[in-house]
Amino acid sequence: MRIAIALSKNDDQKVYPGPFGHAPRFAIYEVEGGGKVSLLEVRENPYAAMEGGRKHELMRELLKDVDLRVGARFGHGGSMGAFPMAERLEVGPVSVAEALEKVRAR
């Protein structure tokens, strides 16, 4: 399973504390059977500052190769966000290591 964790702006070890789509970048991991986790890449989010319009569509395209999106929170202002509930995991403002543990516990 491939996952994207929203990364904090200045700390690769912290989950971005705001809405998932506003994260400046995403850590893309491969999670294999047995719990082995491998970092594949850190992907920039060119749509972080964008509001409304085509943002949801563009975010889905940016992360189309990802099975699960992991962030502190999703959606704001009454929006449910760009991704279905089944394809996301809300973990709160935790460390990346804690987020990965929550993924393994699913």
N, C-alpha and C. Protein backbone atom coordinates (compact mmCIF):
# COMPACT_ATOMS: atom_id res chain seq x y z
N MET A 1 0.86 -1.17 0.00
CA MET A 1 0.00 0.00 0.00
C MET A 1 0.90 1.23 0.00
N ARG A 2 0.54 2.20 -0.80
CA ARG A 2 1.30 3.46 -0.86
C ARG A 2 0.53 4.53 -0.09
N ILE A 3 1.25 5.26 0.77
CA ILE A 3 0.61 6.31 1.57
C ILE A 3 1.32 7.64 1.37
N ALA A 4 0.59 8.72 1.60
CA ALA A 4 1.15 10.08 1.58
C ALA A 4 0.89 10.69 2.95
N ILE A 5 1.96 11.14 3.61
CA ILE A 5 1.83 11.82 4.89
C ILE A 5 2.13 13.30 4.67
N ALA A 6 1.20 14.15 5.10
CA ALA A 6 1.38 15.60 4.98
C ALA A 6 2.53 16.03 5.91
N LEU A 7 3.55 16.65 5.33
CA LEU A 7 4.73 17.05 6.12
C LEU A 7 4.69 18.51 6.52
N SER A 8 5.15 18.77 7.73
CA SER A 8 5.30 20.12 8.24
C SER A 8 6.29 20.89 7.37
N LYS A 9 6.16 22.19 7.35
CA LYS A 9 6.98 23.03 6.47
C LYS A 9 8.47 22.92 6.74
N ASN A 10 8.88 22.96 8.00
CA ASN A 10 10.30 23.00 8.32
C ASN A 10 10.81 21.79 9.07
N ASP A 11 10.00 20.74 9.17
CA ASP A 11 10.40 19.58 9.96
C ASP A 11 9.89 18.31 9.31
N ASP A 12 10.80 17.52 8.75
CA ASP A 12 10.44 16.28 8.08
C ASP A 12 9.92 15.21 9.03
N GLN A 13 10.02 15.46 10.32
CA GLN A 13 9.59 14.47 11.31
C GLN A 13 8.23 14.78 11.92
N LYS A 14 7.57 15.82 11.45
CA LYS A 14 6.27 16.23 12.00
C LYS A 14 5.21 16.26 10.90
N VAL A 15 4.01 15.84 11.26
CA VAL A 15 2.87 15.93 10.36
C VAL A 15 2.42 17.40 10.33
N TYR A 16 2.11 17.88 9.13
CA TYR A 16 1.61 19.25 8.97
C TYR A 16 0.35 19.41 9.83
N PRO A 17 0.28 20.45 10.68
CA PRO A 17 -0.83 20.57 11.64
C PRO A 17 -2.15 21.06 11.05
N GLY A 18 -2.15 21.59 9.86
CA GLY A 18 -3.37 22.13 9.26
C GLY A 18 -4.05 21.14 8.33
N PRO A 19 -4.99 21.62 7.51
CA PRO A 19 -5.68 20.75 6.56
C PRO A 19 -4.71 20.08 5.58
N PHE A 20 -4.95 18.83 5.30
CA PHE A 20 -4.08 18.01 4.44
C PHE A 20 -3.69 18.72 3.15
N GLY A 21 -4.64 19.29 2.45
CA GLY A 21 -4.38 19.93 1.16
C GLY A 21 -3.52 21.17 1.22
N HIS A 22 -3.30 21.71 2.41
CA HIS A 22 -2.47 22.90 2.56
C HIS A 22 -1.04 22.57 2.96
N ALA A 23 -0.74 21.29 3.12
CA ALA A 23 0.64 20.89 3.46
C ALA A 23 1.57 21.26 2.32
N PRO A 24 2.76 21.77 2.63
CA PRO A 24 3.69 22.17 1.57
C PRO A 24 4.31 21.00 0.82
N ARG A 25 4.29 19.81 1.44
CA ARG A 25 4.87 18.63 0.79
C ARG A 25 4.35 17.37 1.46
N PHE A 26 4.56 16.26 0.77
CA PHE A 26 4.08 14.97 1.24
C PHE A 26 5.20 13.95 1.20
N ALA A 27 5.33 13.17 2.26
CA ALA A 27 6.25 12.04 2.27
C ALA A 27 5.47 10.85 1.72
N ILE A 28 5.98 10.26 0.66
CA ILE A 28 5.33 9.11 0.03
C ILE A 28 6.06 7.85 0.48
N TYR A 29 5.30 6.95 1.11
CA TYR A 29 5.85 5.70 1.65
C TYR A 29 5.18 4.51 1.00
N GLU A 30 5.94 3.41 0.93
CA GLU A 30 5.38 2.11 0.58
C GLU A 30 5.32 1.30 1.87
N VAL A 31 4.13 0.80 2.20
CA VAL A 31 3.95 -0.03 3.39
C VAL A 31 3.67 -1.44 2.91
N GLU A 32 4.56 -2.36 3.27
CA GLU A 32 4.44 -3.74 2.81
C GLU A 32 3.88 -4.62 3.91
N GLY A 33 3.46 -5.82 3.53
CA GLY A 33 3.01 -6.79 4.52
C GLY A 33 4.09 -7.00 5.57
N GLY A 34 3.67 -7.20 6.80
CA GLY A 34 4.64 -7.34 7.88
C GLY A 34 5.05 -6.01 8.48
N GLY A 35 4.51 -4.91 7.93
CA GLY A 35 4.77 -3.60 8.51
C GLY A 35 6.02 -2.89 8.03
N LYS A 36 6.74 -3.46 7.06
CA LYS A 36 7.93 -2.78 6.54
C LYS A 36 7.52 -1.51 5.80
N VAL A 37 8.18 -0.39 6.14
CA VAL A 37 7.86 0.91 5.56
C VAL A 37 9.10 1.48 4.89
N SER A 38 8.95 1.93 3.63
CA SER A 38 10.06 2.51 2.89
C SER A 38 9.64 3.88 2.36
N LEU A 39 10.47 4.89 2.63
CA LEU A 39 10.24 6.22 2.07
C LEU A 39 10.63 6.19 0.60
N LEU A 40 9.69 6.55 -0.28
CA LEU A 40 9.95 6.56 -1.71
C LEU A 40 10.40 7.93 -2.21
N GLU A 41 9.74 8.98 -1.70
CA GLU A 41 10.06 10.34 -2.14
C GLU A 41 9.38 11.36 -1.24
N VAL A 42 9.84 12.59 -1.33
CA VAL A 42 9.13 13.72 -0.74
C VAL A 42 8.65 14.54 -1.93
N ARG A 43 7.33 14.70 -2.00
CA ARG A 43 6.69 15.35 -3.14
C ARG A 43 6.20 16.73 -2.75
N GLU A 44 6.60 17.74 -3.49
CA GLU A 44 6.14 19.12 -3.25
C GLU A 44 4.66 19.24 -3.61
N ASN A 45 3.97 20.11 -2.90
CA ASN A 45 2.56 20.39 -3.18
C ASN A 45 2.43 21.78 -3.79
N PRO A 46 2.37 21.87 -5.11
CA PRO A 46 2.26 23.19 -5.75
C PRO A 46 0.91 23.86 -5.52
N TYR A 47 -0.05 23.14 -4.93
CA TYR A 47 -1.39 23.67 -4.72
C TYR A 47 -1.67 24.04 -3.26
N ALA A 48 -0.64 24.04 -2.42
CA ALA A 48 -0.81 24.27 -0.98
C ALA A 48 -1.55 25.58 -0.68
N ALA A 49 -1.23 26.64 -1.39
CA ALA A 49 -1.83 27.95 -1.10
C ALA A 49 -3.14 28.18 -1.85
N MET A 50 -3.50 27.27 -2.72
CA MET A 50 -4.70 27.43 -3.55
C MET A 50 -5.96 27.21 -2.71
N GLU A 51 -7.00 27.97 -2.99
CA GLU A 51 -8.30 27.82 -2.32
C GLU A 51 -9.37 27.58 -3.38
N GLY A 52 -10.25 26.63 -3.14
CA GLY A 52 -11.41 26.42 -4.01
C GLY A 52 -11.05 26.12 -5.46
N GLY A 53 -11.97 26.45 -6.35
CA GLY A 53 -11.76 26.23 -7.77
C GLY A 53 -11.49 24.76 -8.08
N ARG A 54 -10.40 24.50 -8.76
CA ARG A 54 -10.04 23.15 -9.18
C ARG A 54 -9.12 22.45 -8.19
N LYS A 55 -8.94 23.01 -7.00
CA LYS A 55 -7.97 22.45 -6.07
C LYS A 55 -8.20 20.96 -5.80
N HIS A 56 -9.43 20.55 -5.51
CA HIS A 56 -9.69 19.14 -5.20
C HIS A 56 -9.29 18.24 -6.36
N GLU A 57 -9.65 18.65 -7.56
CA GLU A 57 -9.30 17.88 -8.75
C GLU A 57 -7.78 17.78 -8.92
N LEU A 58 -7.09 18.90 -8.72
CA LEU A 58 -5.64 18.92 -8.86
C LEU A 58 -4.95 18.10 -7.78
N MET A 59 -5.48 18.13 -6.57
CA MET A 59 -4.91 17.32 -5.48
C MET A 59 -5.10 15.83 -5.75
N ARG A 60 -6.25 15.44 -6.27
CA ARG A 60 -6.47 14.03 -6.61
C ARG A 60 -5.48 13.58 -7.68
N GLU A 61 -5.21 14.44 -8.65
CA GLU A 61 -4.24 14.11 -9.71
C GLU A 61 -2.83 14.00 -9.13
N LEU A 62 -2.45 14.93 -8.26
CA LEU A 62 -1.11 14.93 -7.65
C LEU A 62 -0.84 13.65 -6.88
N LEU A 63 -1.88 13.13 -6.22
CA LEU A 63 -1.70 11.95 -5.36
C LEU A 63 -2.45 10.72 -5.90
N LYS A 64 -2.60 10.65 -7.21
CA LYS A 64 -3.38 9.55 -7.81
C LYS A 64 -2.74 8.18 -7.61
N ASP A 65 -1.45 8.13 -7.33
CA ASP A 65 -0.75 6.86 -7.13
C ASP A 65 -0.72 6.42 -5.67
N VAL A 66 -1.46 7.13 -4.82
CA VAL A 66 -1.45 6.89 -3.37
C VAL A 66 -2.78 6.25 -2.95
N ASP A 67 -2.69 5.22 -2.08
CA ASP A 67 -3.87 4.52 -1.60
C ASP A 67 -4.48 5.15 -0.36
N LEU A 68 -3.64 5.74 0.49
CA LEU A 68 -4.10 6.30 1.76
C LEU A 68 -3.41 7.64 2.00
N ARG A 69 -4.19 8.65 2.35
CA ARG A 69 -3.65 9.97 2.68
C ARG A 69 -3.71 10.13 4.19
N VAL A 70 -2.60 10.57 4.79
CA VAL A 70 -2.50 10.67 6.24
C VAL A 70 -2.19 12.12 6.59
N GLY A 71 -3.02 12.73 7.44
CA GLY A 71 -2.81 14.11 7.83
C GLY A 71 -3.38 14.41 9.20
N ALA A 72 -3.04 15.58 9.73
CA ALA A 72 -3.56 16.01 11.03
C ALA A 72 -5.07 16.16 10.95
N ARG A 73 -5.55 16.74 9.83
CA ARG A 73 -6.99 16.89 9.63
C ARG A 73 -7.27 17.07 8.14
N PHE A 74 -8.54 16.91 7.78
CA PHE A 74 -8.97 17.00 6.39
C PHE A 74 -10.17 17.93 6.30
N GLY A 75 -10.22 18.72 5.22
CA GLY A 75 -11.34 19.60 4.99
C GLY A 75 -11.40 20.76 5.98
N HIS A 76 -12.05 21.81 5.58
CA HIS A 76 -12.28 22.98 6.44
C HIS A 76 -13.38 23.82 5.81
N GLY A 77 -13.94 24.69 6.60
CA GLY A 77 -14.99 25.57 6.08
C GLY A 77 -16.20 24.81 5.56
N GLY A 78 -16.52 23.66 6.18
CA GLY A 78 -17.67 22.89 5.75
C GLY A 78 -17.38 21.90 4.64
N SER A 79 -16.15 21.90 4.11
CA SER A 79 -15.78 20.98 3.04
C SER A 79 -15.34 19.64 3.64
N MET A 80 -15.69 18.57 2.98
CA MET A 80 -15.22 17.24 3.39
C MET A 80 -13.86 16.95 2.77
N GLY A 81 -13.36 17.82 1.94
CA GLY A 81 -12.06 17.62 1.32
C GLY A 81 -12.14 16.91 -0.01
N ALA A 82 -10.97 16.67 -0.58
CA ALA A 82 -10.87 16.12 -1.93
C ALA A 82 -10.94 14.61 -1.98
N PHE A 83 -10.74 13.94 -0.84
CA PHE A 83 -10.61 12.49 -0.85
C PHE A 83 -11.70 11.81 -0.03
N PRO A 84 -12.21 10.66 -0.50
CA PRO A 84 -13.22 9.93 0.26
C PRO A 84 -12.69 9.52 1.64
N MET A 85 -13.59 9.39 2.59
CA MET A 85 -13.21 9.03 3.96
C MET A 85 -12.38 7.74 4.00
N ALA A 86 -12.71 6.77 3.17
CA ALA A 86 -12.01 5.48 3.18
C ALA A 86 -10.56 5.59 2.73
N GLU A 87 -10.21 6.68 2.07
CA GLU A 87 -8.86 6.84 1.54
C GLU A 87 -8.03 7.82 2.36
N ARG A 88 -8.44 8.09 3.60
CA ARG A 88 -7.70 9.03 4.42
C ARG A 88 -7.71 8.62 5.88
N LEU A 89 -6.68 9.06 6.60
CA LEU A 89 -6.55 8.77 8.02
C LEU A 89 -6.16 10.06 8.73
N GLU A 90 -7.02 10.50 9.63
CA GLU A 90 -6.77 11.72 10.40
C GLU A 90 -6.04 11.32 11.68
N VAL A 91 -4.83 11.88 11.88
CA VAL A 91 -3.99 11.47 13.01
C VAL A 91 -3.70 12.58 14.02
N GLY A 92 -4.09 13.81 13.71
CA GLY A 92 -3.76 14.93 14.59
C GLY A 92 -2.33 15.39 14.36
N PRO A 93 -1.90 16.44 15.06
CA PRO A 93 -0.55 17.00 14.86
C PRO A 93 0.51 16.19 15.62
N VAL A 94 0.89 15.06 15.05
CA VAL A 94 1.81 14.14 15.70
C VAL A 94 3.12 14.06 14.90
N SER A 95 4.05 13.25 15.38
CA SER A 95 5.27 13.01 14.62
C SER A 95 4.96 12.04 13.47
N VAL A 96 5.84 12.03 12.48
CA VAL A 96 5.68 11.09 11.37
C VAL A 96 5.75 9.66 11.89
N ALA A 97 6.63 9.40 12.84
CA ALA A 97 6.75 8.05 13.42
C ALA A 97 5.42 7.62 14.06
N GLU A 98 4.76 8.54 14.80
CA GLU A 98 3.46 8.22 15.39
C GLU A 98 2.40 7.99 14.32
N ALA A 99 2.44 8.77 13.26
CA ALA A 99 1.49 8.60 12.16
C ALA A 99 1.67 7.23 11.51
N LEU A 100 2.92 6.82 11.31
CA LEU A 100 3.18 5.51 10.72
C LEU A 100 2.69 4.38 11.62
N GLU A 101 2.80 4.56 12.93
CA GLU A 101 2.28 3.56 13.87
C GLU A 101 0.76 3.45 13.75
N LYS A 102 0.09 4.58 13.56
CA LYS A 102 -1.37 4.57 13.40
C LYS A 102 -1.77 3.90 12.10
N VAL A 103 -0.95 4.05 11.06
CA VAL A 103 -1.21 3.36 9.80
C VAL A 103 -1.09 1.85 10.01
N ARG A 104 -0.03 1.43 10.68
CA ARG A 104 0.18 0.00 10.93
C ARG A 104 -0.94 -0.60 11.78
N ALA A 105 -1.53 0.20 12.68
CA ALA A 105 -2.57 -0.29 13.57
C ALA A 105 -3.95 -0.41 12.92
N ARG A 106 -4.09 0.11 11.72
CA ARG A 106 -5.40 0.06 11.01
C ARG A 106 -5.82 -1.34 10.71
